[in-house]
Amino acid sequence: HSVNPVGVENIKALFENYTAFRESEK
């Protein structure tokens, strides 16, 4: 919910990368 657009994108990218990593482990 941050109003910092760069911060929003960085947090989302971290979580998306984590999710992709976990999916690749399967």
PDB file of all heavy atoms in Angstrom:
ATOM      1  N   HIS A   1       0.810  -1.225   0.000  1.00  0.00           N
ATOM      2  CA  HIS A   1       0.000   0.000   0.000  1.00  0.00           C
ATOM      3  C   HIS A   1       0.843   1.274   0.000  1.00  0.00           C
ATOM      4  O   HIS A   1       0.310   2.363   0.094  1.00  0.00           O
ATOM      5  CB  HIS A   1      -0.963   0.011   1.197  1.00  0.00           C
ATOM      6  CG  HIS A   1      -0.274   0.102   2.520  1.00  0.00           C
ATOM      7  ND1 HIS A   1       0.035  -1.017   3.267  1.00  0.00           N
ATOM      8  CD2 HIS A   1       0.177   1.164   3.233  1.00  0.00           C
ATOM      9  CE1 HIS A   1       0.632  -0.640   4.386  1.00  0.00           C
ATOM     10  NE2 HIS A   1       0.732   0.686   4.386  1.00  0.00           N
ATOM     11  N   SER A   2       2.147   1.143  -0.126  1.00  0.00           N
ATOM     12  CA  SER A   2       3.050   2.294  -0.098  1.00  0.00           C
ATOM     13  C   SER A   2       2.711   3.291  -1.210  1.00  0.00           C
ATOM     14  O   SER A   2       2.258   2.907  -2.289  1.00  0.00           O
ATOM     15  CB  SER A   2       4.493   1.809  -0.276  1.00  0.00           C
ATOM     16  OG  SER A   2       5.381   2.903  -0.298  1.00  0.00           O
ATOM     17  N   VAL A   3       2.953   4.560  -0.942  1.00  0.00           N
ATOM     18  CA  VAL A   3       2.791   5.581  -1.980  1.00  0.00           C
ATOM     19  C   VAL A   3       4.099   5.804  -2.734  1.00  0.00           C
ATOM     20  O   VAL A   3       4.150   6.614  -3.653  1.00  0.00           O
ATOM     21  CB  VAL A   3       2.269   6.924  -1.397  1.00  0.00           C
ATOM     22  CG1 VAL A   3       0.867   6.755  -0.841  1.00  0.00           C
ATOM     23  CG2 VAL A   3       3.211   7.483  -0.356  1.00  0.00           C
ATOM     24  N   ASN A   4       5.146   5.091  -2.369  1.00  0.00           N
ATOM     25  CA  ASN A   4       6.435   5.151  -3.054  1.00  0.00           C
ATOM     26  C   ASN A   4       6.394   4.157  -4.219  1.00  0.00           C
ATOM     27  O   ASN A   4       6.472   2.951  -4.002  1.00  0.00           O
ATOM     28  CB  ASN A   4       7.552   4.785  -2.066  1.00  0.00           C
ATOM     29  CG  ASN A   4       8.929   4.733  -2.689  1.00  0.00           C
ATOM     30  OD1 ASN A   4       9.076   4.457  -3.869  1.00  0.00           O
ATOM     31  ND2 ASN A   4       9.940   4.960  -1.873  1.00  0.00           N
ATOM     32  N   PRO A   5       6.258   4.643  -5.474  1.00  0.00           N
ATOM     33  CA  PRO A   5       6.076   3.714  -6.598  1.00  0.00           C
ATOM     34  C   PRO A   5       7.264   2.779  -6.817  1.00  0.00           C
ATOM     35  O   PRO A   5       7.084   1.623  -7.184  1.00  0.00           O
ATOM     36  CB  PRO A   5       5.846   4.631  -7.802  1.00  0.00           C
ATOM     37  CG  PRO A   5       6.336   5.973  -7.389  1.00  0.00           C
ATOM     38  CD  PRO A   5       6.238   6.041  -5.892  1.00  0.00           C
ATOM     39  N   VAL A   6       8.473   3.258  -6.592  1.00  0.00           N
ATOM     40  CA  VAL A   6       9.654   2.401  -6.742  1.00  0.00           C
ATOM     41  C   VAL A   6       9.661   1.342  -5.648  1.00  0.00           C
ATOM     42  O   VAL A   6       9.936   0.165  -5.899  1.00  0.00           O
ATOM     43  CB  VAL A   6      10.953   3.240  -6.737  1.00  0.00           C
ATOM     44  CG1 VAL A   6      12.184   2.351  -6.731  1.00  0.00           C
ATOM     45  CG2 VAL A   6      10.979   4.197  -7.922  1.00  0.00           C
ATOM     46  N   GLY A   7       9.328   1.747  -4.432  1.00  0.00           N
ATOM     47  CA  GLY A   7       9.248   0.803  -3.324  1.00  0.00           C
ATOM     48  C   GLY A   7       8.206  -0.271  -3.571  1.00  0.00           C
ATOM     49  O   GLY A   7       8.431  -1.454  -3.286  1.00  0.00           O
ATOM     50  N   VAL A   8       7.060   0.121  -4.104  1.00  0.00           N
ATOM     51  CA  VAL A   8       5.994  -0.835  -4.424  1.00  0.00           C
ATOM     52  C   VAL A   8       6.524  -1.877  -5.402  1.00  0.00           C
ATOM     53  O   VAL A   8       6.378  -3.088  -5.190  1.00  0.00           O
ATOM     54  CB  VAL A   8       4.748  -0.124  -5.012  1.00  0.00           C
ATOM     55  CG1 VAL A   8       3.761  -1.134  -5.572  1.00  0.00           C
ATOM     56  CG2 VAL A   8       4.083   0.753  -3.968  1.00  0.00           C
ATOM     57  N   GLU A   9       7.123  -1.414  -6.479  1.00  0.00           N
ATOM     58  CA  GLU A   9       7.613  -2.331  -7.507  1.00  0.00           C
ATOM     59  C   GLU A   9       8.721  -3.232  -6.984  1.00  0.00           C
ATOM     60  O   GLU A   9       8.784  -4.416  -7.336  1.00  0.00           O
ATOM     61  CB  GLU A   9       8.069  -1.559  -8.747  1.00  0.00           C
ATOM     62  CG  GLU A   9       6.934  -0.893  -9.490  1.00  0.00           C
ATOM     63  CD  GLU A   9       5.780  -1.851  -9.809  1.00  0.00           C
ATOM     64  OE1 GLU A   9       6.026  -2.978 -10.298  1.00  0.00           O
ATOM     65  OE2 GLU A   9       4.616  -1.484  -9.548  1.00  0.00           O
ATOM     66  N   ASN A  10       9.596  -2.705  -6.137  1.00  0.00           N
ATOM     67  CA  ASN A  10      10.687  -3.525  -5.591  1.00  0.00           C
ATOM     68  C   ASN A  10      10.157  -4.644  -4.694  1.00  0.00           C
ATOM     69  O   ASN A  10      10.622  -5.782  -4.765  1.00  0.00           O
ATOM     70  CB  ASN A  10      11.684  -2.661  -4.832  1.00  0.00           C
ATOM     71  CG  ASN A  10      12.545  -1.815  -5.743  1.00  0.00           C
ATOM     72  OD1 ASN A  10      12.680  -2.088  -6.931  1.00  0.00           O
ATOM     73  ND2 ASN A  10      13.116  -0.757  -5.197  1.00  0.00           N
ATOM     74  N   ILE A  11       9.207  -4.330  -3.835  1.00  0.00           N
ATOM     75  CA  ILE A  11       8.639  -5.352  -2.952  1.00  0.00           C
ATOM     76  C   ILE A  11       7.885  -6.393  -3.775  1.00  0.00           C
ATOM     77  O   ILE A  11       8.044  -7.600  -3.577  1.00  0.00           O
ATOM     78  CB  ILE A  11       7.740  -4.717  -1.871  1.00  0.00           C
ATOM     79  CG1 ILE A  11       8.594  -3.887  -0.892  1.00  0.00           C
ATOM     80  CG2 ILE A  11       6.949  -5.791  -1.119  1.00  0.00           C
ATOM     81  CD1 ILE A  11       7.795  -3.062   0.099  1.00  0.00           C
ATOM     82  N   LYS A  12       7.086  -5.947  -4.732  1.00  0.00           N
ATOM     83  CA  LYS A  12       6.355  -6.893  -5.582  1.00  0.00           C
ATOM     84  C   LYS A  12       7.316  -7.793  -6.353  1.00  0.00           C
ATOM     85  O   LYS A  12       7.096  -9.003  -6.463  1.00  0.00           O
ATOM     86  CB  LYS A  12       5.442  -6.146  -6.558  1.00  0.00           C
ATOM     87  CG  LYS A  12       4.199  -5.568  -5.923  1.00  0.00           C
ATOM     88  CD  LYS A  12       3.351  -4.908  -6.992  1.00  0.00           C
ATOM     89  CE  LYS A  12       2.050  -4.387  -6.445  1.00  0.00           C
ATOM     90  NZ  LYS A  12       1.242  -3.747  -7.495  1.00  0.00           N
ATOM     91  N   ALA A  13       8.391  -7.219  -6.896  1.00  0.00           N
ATOM     92  CA  ALA A  13       9.365  -8.008  -7.663  1.00  0.00           C
ATOM     93  C   ALA A  13      10.033  -9.054  -6.774  1.00  0.00           C
ATOM     94  O   ALA A  13      10.245 -10.195  -7.209  1.00  0.00           O
ATOM     95  CB  ALA A  13      10.408  -7.090  -8.299  1.00  0.00           C
ATOM     96  N   LEU A  14      10.367  -8.684  -5.552  1.00  0.00           N
ATOM     97  CA  LEU A  14      10.962  -9.647  -4.625  1.00  0.00           C
ATOM     98  C   LEU A  14      10.025 -10.831  -4.416  1.00  0.00           C
ATOM     99  O   LEU A  14      10.442 -11.992  -4.518  1.00  0.00           O
ATOM    100  CB  LEU A  14      11.265  -8.968  -3.281  1.00  0.00           C
ATOM    101  CG  LEU A  14      11.727  -9.901  -2.164  1.00  0.00           C
ATOM    102  CD1 LEU A  14      13.135 -10.431  -2.450  1.00  0.00           C
ATOM    103  CD2 LEU A  14      11.684  -9.178  -0.822  1.00  0.00           C
ATOM    104  N   PHE A  15       8.762 -10.558  -4.135  1.00  0.00           N
ATOM    105  CA  PHE A  15       7.800 -11.631  -3.890  1.00  0.00           C
ATOM    106  C   PHE A  15       7.531 -12.456  -5.150  1.00  0.00           C
ATOM    107  O   PHE A  15       7.378 -13.676  -5.086  1.00  0.00           O
ATOM    108  CB  PHE A  15       6.499 -11.082  -3.320  1.00  0.00           C
ATOM    109  CG  PHE A  15       6.640 -10.554  -1.914  1.00  0.00           C
ATOM    110  CD1 PHE A  15       5.851  -9.506  -1.485  1.00  0.00           C
ATOM    111  CD2 PHE A  15       7.539 -11.099  -1.014  1.00  0.00           C
ATOM    112  CE1 PHE A  15       5.947  -9.024  -0.179  1.00  0.00           C
ATOM    113  CE2 PHE A  15       7.651 -10.628   0.275  1.00  0.00           C
ATOM    114  CZ  PHE A  15       6.849  -9.584   0.699  1.00  0.00           C
ATOM    115  N   GLU A  16       7.478 -11.812  -6.301  1.00  0.00           N
ATOM    116  CA  GLU A  16       7.278 -12.543  -7.558  1.00  0.00           C
ATOM    117  C   GLU A  16       8.462 -13.458  -7.838  1.00  0.00           C
ATOM    118  O   GLU A  16       8.287 -14.603  -8.271  1.00  0.00           O
ATOM    119  CB  GLU A  16       7.041 -11.565  -8.706  1.00  0.00           C
ATOM    120  CG  GLU A  16       5.680 -10.892  -8.624  1.00  0.00           C
ATOM    121  CD  GLU A  16       5.532  -9.693  -9.542  1.00  0.00           C
ATOM    122  OE1 GLU A  16       6.458  -9.404 -10.351  1.00  0.00           O
ATOM    123  OE2 GLU A  16       4.485  -9.015  -9.451  1.00  0.00           O
ATOM    124  N   ASN A  17       9.674 -12.969  -7.584  1.00  0.00           N
ATOM    125  CA  ASN A  17      10.869 -13.796  -7.781  1.00  0.00           C
ATOM    126  C   ASN A  17      10.886 -14.977  -6.818  1.00  0.00           C
ATOM    127  O   ASN A  17      11.244 -16.087  -7.185  1.00  0.00           O
ATOM    128  CB  ASN A  17      12.149 -12.965  -7.625  1.00  0.00           C
ATOM    129  CG  ASN A  17      12.364 -12.033  -8.783  1.00  0.00           C
ATOM    130  OD1 ASN A  17      11.871 -12.253  -9.884  1.00  0.00           O
ATOM    131  ND2 ASN A  17      13.105 -10.963  -8.546  1.00  0.00           N
ATOM    132  N   TYR A  18      10.495 -14.734  -5.573  1.00  0.00           N
ATOM    133  CA  TYR A  18      10.428 -15.812  -4.590  1.00  0.00           C
ATOM    134  C   TYR A  18       9.417 -16.877  -5.029  1.00  0.00           C
ATOM    135  O   TYR A  18       9.696 -18.073  -4.993  1.00  0.00           O
ATOM    136  CB  TYR A  18      10.054 -15.266  -3.214  1.00  0.00           C
ATOM    137  CG  TYR A  18       9.783 -16.350  -2.198  1.00  0.00           C
ATOM    138  CD1 TYR A  18      10.846 -17.039  -1.614  1.00  0.00           C
ATOM    139  CD2 TYR A  18       8.496 -16.703  -1.840  1.00  0.00           C
ATOM    140  CE1 TYR A  18      10.608 -18.049  -0.690  1.00  0.00           C
ATOM    141  CE2 TYR A  18       8.252 -17.704  -0.920  1.00  0.00           C
ATOM    142  CZ  TYR A  18       9.308 -18.370  -0.347  1.00  0.00           C
ATOM    143  OH  TYR A  18       9.082 -19.374   0.560  1.00  0.00           O
ATOM    144  N   THR A  19       8.257 -16.430  -5.470  1.00  0.00           N
ATOM    145  CA  THR A  19       7.217 -17.362  -5.907  1.00  0.00           C
ATOM    146  C   THR A  19       7.694 -18.169  -7.109  1.00  0.00           C
ATOM    147  O   THR A  19       7.484 -19.390  -7.167  1.00  0.00           O
ATOM    148  CB  THR A  19       5.919 -16.593  -6.232  1.00  0.00           C
ATOM    149  OG1 THR A  19       5.503 -15.884  -5.052  1.00  0.00           O
ATOM    150  CG2 THR A  19       4.812 -17.514  -6.689  1.00  0.00           C
ATOM    151  N   ALA A  20       8.360 -17.519  -8.057  1.00  0.00           N
ATOM    152  CA  ALA A  20       8.888 -18.231  -9.229  1.00  0.00           C
ATOM    153  C   ALA A  20       9.951 -19.247  -8.805  1.00  0.00           C
ATOM    154  O   ALA A  20       9.987 -20.373  -9.325  1.00  0.00           O
ATOM    155  CB  ALA A  20       9.475 -17.230 -10.232  1.00  0.00           C
ATOM    156  N   PHE A  21      10.793 -18.871  -7.862  1.00  0.00           N
ATOM    157  CA  PHE A  21      11.819 -19.784  -7.356  1.00  0.00           C
ATOM    158  C   PHE A  21      11.175 -21.014  -6.723  1.00  0.00           C
ATOM    159  O   PHE A  21      11.564 -22.147  -7.002  1.00  0.00           O
ATOM    160  CB  PHE A  21      12.714 -19.058  -6.335  1.00  0.00           C
ATOM    161  CG  PHE A  21      13.620 -19.982  -5.575  1.00  0.00           C
ATOM    162  CD1 PHE A  21      14.729 -20.543  -6.176  1.00  0.00           C
ATOM    163  CD2 PHE A  21      13.349 -20.289  -4.255  1.00  0.00           C
ATOM    164  CE1 PHE A  21      15.567 -21.402  -5.463  1.00  0.00           C
ATOM    165  CE2 PHE A  21      14.165 -21.142  -3.537  1.00  0.00           C
ATOM    166  CZ  PHE A  21      15.289 -21.706  -4.149  1.00  0.00           C
ATOM    167  N   ARG A  22      10.173 -20.802  -5.884  1.00  0.00           N
ATOM    168  CA  ARG A  22       9.507 -21.925  -5.223  1.00  0.00           C
ATOM    169  C   ARG A  22       8.809 -22.833  -6.245  1.00  0.00           C
ATOM    170  O   ARG A  22       8.810 -24.047  -6.096  1.00  0.00           O
ATOM    171  CB  ARG A  22       8.482 -21.416  -4.192  1.00  0.00           C
ATOM    172  CG  ARG A  22       9.070 -20.721  -2.992  1.00  0.00           C
ATOM    173  CD  ARG A  22       9.967 -21.622  -2.163  1.00  0.00           C
ATOM    174  NE  ARG A  22       9.245 -22.739  -1.624  1.00  0.00           N
ATOM    175  CZ  ARG A  22       9.232 -23.114  -0.354  1.00  0.00           C
ATOM    176  NH1 ARG A  22       9.953 -22.456   0.517  1.00  0.00           N
ATOM    177  NH2 ARG A  22       8.532 -24.146   0.044  1.00  0.00           N
ATOM    178  N   GLU A  23       8.231 -22.239  -7.267  1.00  0.00           N
ATOM    179  CA  GLU A  23       7.586 -23.026  -8.319  1.00  0.00           C
ATOM    180  C   GLU A  23       8.619 -23.848  -9.085  1.00  0.00           C
ATOM    181  O   GLU A  23       8.363 -24.996  -9.436  1.00  0.00           O
ATOM    182  CB  GLU A  23       6.800 -22.127  -9.275  1.00  0.00           C
ATOM    183  CG  GLU A  23       5.549 -21.542  -8.669  1.00  0.00           C
ATOM    184  CD  GLU A  23       4.537 -22.590  -8.225  1.00  0.00           C
ATOM    185  OE1 GLU A  23       4.307 -23.558  -8.976  1.00  0.00           O
ATOM    186  OE2 GLU A  23       3.979 -22.450  -7.124  1.00  0.00           O
ATOM    187  N   SER A  24       9.791 -23.263  -9.341  1.00  0.00           N
ATOM    188  CA  SER A  24      10.834 -23.989 -10.081  1.00  0.00           C
ATOM    189  C   SER A  24      11.378 -25.163  -9.275  1.00  0.00           C
ATOM    190  O   SER A  24      11.835 -26.150  -9.843  1.00  0.00           O
ATOM    191  CB  SER A  24      11.968 -23.040 -10.482  1.00  0.00           C
ATOM    192  OG  SER A  24      12.756 -22.683  -9.353  1.00  0.00           O
ATOM    193  N   GLU A  25      11.328 -25.060  -7.942  1.00  0.00           N
ATOM    194  CA  GLU A  25      11.785 -26.169  -7.106  1.00  0.00           C
ATOM    195  C   GLU A  25      10.880 -27.387  -7.231  1.00  0.00           C
ATOM    196  O   GLU A  25      11.299 -28.513  -6.995  1.00  0.00           O
ATOM    197  CB  GLU A  25      11.790 -25.741  -5.625  1.00  0.00           C
ATOM    198  CG  GLU A  25      12.936 -24.848  -5.240  1.00  0.00           C
ATOM    199  CD  GLU A  25      12.945 -24.612  -3.744  1.00  0.00           C
ATOM    200  OE1 GLU A  25      11.879 -24.348  -3.155  1.00  0.00           O
ATOM    201  OE2 GLU A  25      14.042 -24.707  -3.164  1.00  0.00           O
ATOM    202  N   LYS A  26       9.619 -27.152  -7.583  1.00  0.00           N
ATOM    203  CA  LYS A  26       8.650 -28.242  -7.691  1.00  0.00           C
ATOM    204  C   LYS A  26       8.829 -29.053  -8.968  1.00  0.00           C
ATOM    205  O   LYS A  26       8.296 -30.134  -9.083  1.00  0.00           O
ATOM    206  CB  LYS A  26       7.223 -27.687  -7.630  1.00  0.00           C
ATOM    207  CG  LYS A  26       6.875 -27.070  -6.301  1.00  0.00           C
ATOM    208  CD  LYS A  26       5.479 -26.486  -6.337  1.00  0.00           C
ATOM    209  CE  LYS A  26       5.139 -25.788  -5.025  1.00  0.00           C
ATOM    210  NZ  LYS A  26       3.827 -25.150  -5.090  1.00  0.00           N
TER     211      LYS A  26
END
